[in-house]
């Protein structure tokens, strides 16, 4: 098993343990608590089965490559108007990446995508500032 799948398995295990502990510490009868715990675990398993890890990986990689390509194009642009349009396109792609990670319910990807989006916006601002000075 690869590290990525192993990490995802650890995430699912952690989420299951967290849900279980939350239910166990609730002030209810043991039988009710066990029923709720079983339901939560079944929900987690169902959600985990819905996630296509390869699809998520491929989409994230594609979005990142698109962002990189757009950043390279933006760096080469000399006209501020075109650069601003490119910057908006890049921000949109970074937002799409973040939304996709959130939609797939993967906190690890969500955090990484959020970082990519923040860094992308920072780089865009720097490039536009340089172009505006010239």
C-alpha atoms as a PDB file:
ATOM      1  CA  UNK A   1       0.000   0.000   0.000  1.00  0.00           C
ATOM      2  CA  UNK A   2       1.361   3.420  -0.923  1.00  0.00           C
ATOM      3  CA  UNK A   3       2.013   6.140   1.617  1.00  0.00           C
ATOM      4  CA  UNK A   4      -0.864   8.239   0.268  1.00  0.00           C
ATOM      5  CA  UNK A   5      -3.401   5.458   0.663  1.00  0.00           C
ATOM      6  CA  UNK A   6      -1.942   4.590   4.033  1.00  0.00           C
ATOM      7  CA  UNK A   7      -2.271   8.220   5.104  1.00  0.00           C
ATOM      8  CA  UNK A   8      -5.855   8.288   3.888  1.00  0.00           C
ATOM      9  CA  UNK A   9      -6.561   5.101   5.843  1.00  0.00           C
ATOM     10  CA  UNK A  10      -5.078   6.707   8.949  1.00  0.00           C
ATOM     11  CA  UNK A  11      -7.295   9.734   8.381  1.00  0.00           C
ATOM     12  CA  UNK A  12     -10.399   7.536   8.135  1.00  0.00           C
ATOM     13  CA  UNK A  13      -9.371   5.627  11.254  1.00  0.00           C
ATOM     14  CA  UNK A  14      -8.824   8.892  13.123  1.00  0.00           C
ATOM     15  CA  UNK A  15     -12.174  10.255  11.980  1.00  0.00           C
ATOM     16  CA  UNK A  16     -13.882   7.033  13.088  1.00  0.00           C
ATOM     17  CA  UNK A  17     -12.193   7.101  16.475  1.00  0.00           C
ATOM     18  CA  UNK A  18     -13.114  10.768  16.932  1.00  0.00           C
ATOM     19  CA  UNK A  19     -16.755  10.111  16.055  1.00  0.00           C
ATOM     20  CA  UNK A  20     -16.788   7.094  18.349  1.00  0.00           C
ATOM     21  CA  UNK A  21     -15.347   8.992  21.290  1.00  0.00           C
ATOM     22  CA  UNK A  22     -17.814  11.808  20.778  1.00  0.00           C
ATOM     23  CA  UNK A  23     -20.716   9.409  20.856  1.00  0.00           C
ATOM     24  CA  UNK A  24     -19.329   7.435  23.811  1.00  0.00           C
ATOM     25  CA  UNK A  25     -18.993  10.517  25.988  1.00  0.00           C
ATOM     26  CA  UNK A  26     -22.522  11.700  25.256  1.00  0.00           C
ATOM     27  CA  UNK A  27     -24.866  11.470  28.254  1.00  0.00           C
ATOM     28  CA  UNK A  28     -27.077   8.626  26.955  1.00  0.00           C
ATOM     29  CA  UNK A  29     -27.764   4.991  27.735  1.00  0.00           C
ATOM     30  CA  UNK A  30     -25.100   2.558  26.609  1.00  0.00           C
ATOM     31  CA  UNK A  31     -27.387   0.814  24.120  1.00  0.00           C
ATOM     32  CA  UNK A  32     -28.351   4.153  22.515  1.00  0.00           C
ATOM     33  CA  UNK A  33     -24.731   5.207  22.419  1.00  0.00           C
ATOM     34  CA  UNK A  34     -23.654   1.960  20.751  1.00  0.00           C
ATOM     35  CA  UNK A  35     -26.442   2.303  18.158  1.00  0.00           C
ATOM     36  CA  UNK A  36     -25.369   5.863  17.386  1.00  0.00           C
ATOM     37  CA  UNK A  37     -21.747   4.796  17.215  1.00  0.00           C
ATOM     38  CA  UNK A  38     -22.593   2.032  14.755  1.00  0.00           C
ATOM     39  CA  UNK A  39     -24.584   4.481  12.616  1.00  0.00           C
ATOM     40  CA  UNK A  40     -21.725   6.998  12.625  1.00  0.00           C
ATOM     41  CA  UNK A  41     -19.226   4.322  11.664  1.00  0.00           C
ATOM     42  CA  UNK A  42     -21.522   3.076   8.883  1.00  0.00           C
ATOM     43  CA  UNK A  43     -21.874   6.675   7.612  1.00  0.00           C
ATOM     44  CA  UNK A  44     -18.101   7.127   7.659  1.00  0.00           C
ATOM     45  CA  UNK A  45     -17.543   3.881   5.756  1.00  0.00           C
ATOM     46  CA  UNK A  46     -20.173   4.859   3.174  1.00  0.00           C
ATOM     47  CA  UNK A  47     -18.544   8.261   2.660  1.00  0.00           C
ATOM     48  CA  UNK A  48     -15.088   6.699   2.410  1.00  0.00           C
ATOM     49  CA  UNK A  49     -16.315   4.287  -0.260  1.00  0.00           C
ATOM     50  CA  UNK A  50     -17.674   7.201  -2.295  1.00  0.00           C
ATOM     51  CA  UNK A  51     -14.264   8.873  -2.530  1.00  0.00           C
ATOM     52  CA  UNK A  52     -12.348   7.907  -5.645  1.00  0.00           C
ATOM     53  CA  UNK A  53      -8.761   8.474  -4.500  1.00  0.00           C
ATOM     54  CA  UNK A  54      -7.350   8.215  -8.012  1.00  0.00           C
ATOM     55  CA  UNK A  55      -9.866  10.742  -9.316  1.00  0.00           C
ATOM     56  CA  UNK A  56      -9.071  13.143  -6.480  1.00  0.00           C
ATOM     57  CA  UNK A  57      -5.331  12.755  -7.068  1.00  0.00           C
ATOM     58  CA  UNK A  58      -5.668  13.241 -10.819  1.00  0.00           C
ATOM     59  CA  UNK A  59      -7.902  16.300 -10.484  1.00  0.00           C
ATOM     60  CA  UNK A  60      -5.628  17.920  -7.912  1.00  0.00           C
ATOM     61  CA  UNK A  61      -2.562  17.286 -10.061  1.00  0.00           C
ATOM     62  CA  UNK A  62      -4.336  18.700 -13.135  1.00  0.00           C
ATOM     63  CA  UNK A  63      -5.428  21.837 -11.282  1.00  0.00           C
ATOM     64  CA  UNK A  64      -1.914  22.363  -9.928  1.00  0.00           C
ATOM     65  CA  UNK A  65      -0.410  21.986 -13.412  1.00  0.00           C
ATOM     66  CA  UNK A  66      -2.951  24.481 -14.760  1.00  0.00           C
ATOM     67  CA  UNK A  67      -2.006  26.944 -12.021  1.00  0.00           C
ATOM     68  CA  UNK A  68       1.708  26.482 -12.747  1.00  0.00           C
ATOM     69  CA  UNK A  69       1.181  27.017 -16.470  1.00  0.00           C
ATOM     70  CA  UNK A  70      -0.908  30.112 -15.853  1.00  0.00           C
ATOM     71  CA  UNK A  71       1.739  31.505 -13.468  1.00  0.00           C
ATOM     72  CA  UNK A  72       4.449  30.986 -16.094  1.00  0.00           C
ATOM     73  CA  UNK A  73       2.326  32.767 -18.697  1.00  0.00           C
ATOM     74  CA  UNK A  74       1.568  35.575 -16.269  1.00  0.00           C
ATOM     75  CA  UNK A  75       5.261  36.100 -15.527  1.00  0.00           C
ATOM     76  CA  UNK A  76       5.917  36.530 -19.270  1.00  0.00           C
ATOM     77  CA  UNK A  77       3.103  38.995 -19.836  1.00  0.00           C
ATOM     78  CA  UNK A  78       4.191  42.609 -20.336  1.00  0.00           C
ATOM     79  CA  UNK A  79       0.811  44.232 -20.671  1.00  0.00           C
ATOM     80  CA  UNK A  80      -0.880  45.029 -17.358  1.00  0.00           C
ATOM     81  CA  UNK A  81      -4.393  44.511 -18.726  1.00  0.00           C
ATOM     82  CA  UNK A  82      -3.587  40.989 -19.913  1.00  0.00           C
ATOM     83  CA  UNK A  83      -1.737  40.261 -16.672  1.00  0.00           C
ATOM     84  CA  UNK A  84      -4.776  41.262 -14.622  1.00  0.00           C
ATOM     85  CA  UNK A  85      -7.017  38.962 -16.678  1.00  0.00           C
ATOM     86  CA  UNK A  86      -4.559  36.103 -16.247  1.00  0.00           C
ATOM     87  CA  UNK A  87      -4.364  36.816 -12.512  1.00  0.00           C
ATOM     88  CA  UNK A  88      -8.149  36.525 -12.235  1.00  0.00           C
ATOM     89  CA  UNK A  89      -8.086  33.224 -14.155  1.00  0.00           C
ATOM     90  CA  UNK A  90      -5.399  31.877 -11.825  1.00  0.00           C
ATOM     91  CA  UNK A  91      -7.329  32.913  -8.743  1.00  0.00           C
ATOM     92  CA  UNK A  92     -10.399  31.170 -10.162  1.00  0.00           C
ATOM     93  CA  UNK A  93      -8.434  27.945 -10.730  1.00  0.00           C
ATOM     94  CA  UNK A  94      -6.991  28.086  -7.213  1.00  0.00           C
ATOM     95  CA  UNK A  95     -10.513  28.597  -5.839  1.00  0.00           C
ATOM     96  CA  UNK A  96     -11.753  25.630  -7.904  1.00  0.00           C
ATOM     97  CA  UNK A  97      -8.966  23.495  -6.454  1.00  0.00           C
ATOM     98  CA  UNK A  98      -9.914  24.493  -2.908  1.00  0.00           C
ATOM     99  CA  UNK A  99     -13.628  23.926  -3.536  1.00  0.00           C
ATOM    100  CA  UNK A 100     -12.910  20.499  -5.021  1.00  0.00           C
ATOM    101  CA  UNK A 101     -10.898  19.495  -1.952  1.00  0.00           C
ATOM    102  CA  UNK A 102     -13.692  20.720   0.334  1.00  0.00           C
ATOM    103  CA  UNK A 103     -16.319  18.912  -1.767  1.00  0.00           C
ATOM    104  CA  UNK A 104     -14.451  15.623  -1.526  1.00  0.00           C
ATOM    105  CA  UNK A 105     -14.309  16.016   2.248  1.00  0.00           C
ATOM    106  CA  UNK A 106     -10.577  15.516   2.527  1.00  0.00           C
ATOM    107  CA  UNK A 107      -9.143  17.845   5.195  1.00  0.00           C
ATOM    108  CA  UNK A 108      -5.555  17.063   4.246  1.00  0.00           C
ATOM    109  CA  UNK A 109      -6.192  18.119   0.647  1.00  0.00           C
ATOM    110  CA  UNK A 110      -8.297  21.038   1.821  1.00  0.00           C
ATOM    111  CA  UNK A 111      -5.408  22.390   3.894  1.00  0.00           C
ATOM    112  CA  UNK A 112      -2.907  21.927   1.054  1.00  0.00           C
ATOM    113  CA  UNK A 113      -5.274  23.468  -1.507  1.00  0.00           C
ATOM    114  CA  UNK A 114      -5.896  26.412   0.799  1.00  0.00           C
ATOM    115  CA  UNK A 115      -2.136  26.942   1.079  1.00  0.00           C
ATOM    116  CA  UNK A 116      -1.769  26.769  -2.709  1.00  0.00           C
ATOM    117  CA  UNK A 117      -4.562  29.320  -3.114  1.00  0.00           C
ATOM    118  CA  UNK A 118      -3.022  31.708  -0.565  1.00  0.00           C
ATOM    119  CA  UNK A 119       0.454  31.436  -2.090  1.00  0.00           C
ATOM    120  CA  UNK A 120      -0.975  31.850  -5.595  1.00  0.00           C
ATOM    121  CA  UNK A 121      -2.724  35.076  -4.604  1.00  0.00           C
ATOM    122  CA  UNK A 122       0.468  36.328  -2.940  1.00  0.00           C
ATOM    123  CA  UNK A 123       2.537  35.662  -6.087  1.00  0.00           C
ATOM    124  CA  UNK A 124      -0.111  37.261  -8.303  1.00  0.00           C
ATOM    125  CA  UNK A 125      -0.102  40.412  -6.177  1.00  0.00           C
ATOM    126  CA  UNK A 126       3.699  40.615  -6.353  1.00  0.00           C
ATOM    127  CA  UNK A 127       3.746  40.203 -10.134  1.00  0.00           C
ATOM    128  CA  UNK A 128       0.976  42.740 -10.674  1.00  0.00           C
ATOM    129  CA  UNK A 129       2.722  45.212  -8.368  1.00  0.00           C
ATOM    130  CA  UNK A 130       5.935  44.863 -10.428  1.00  0.00           C
ATOM    131  CA  UNK A 131       4.038  45.313 -13.681  1.00  0.00           C
ATOM    132  CA  UNK A 132       2.234  48.375 -12.338  1.00  0.00           C
ATOM    133  CA  UNK A 133       5.553  49.944 -11.330  1.00  0.00           C
ATOM    134  CA  UNK A 134       6.901  49.511 -14.846  1.00  0.00           C
END
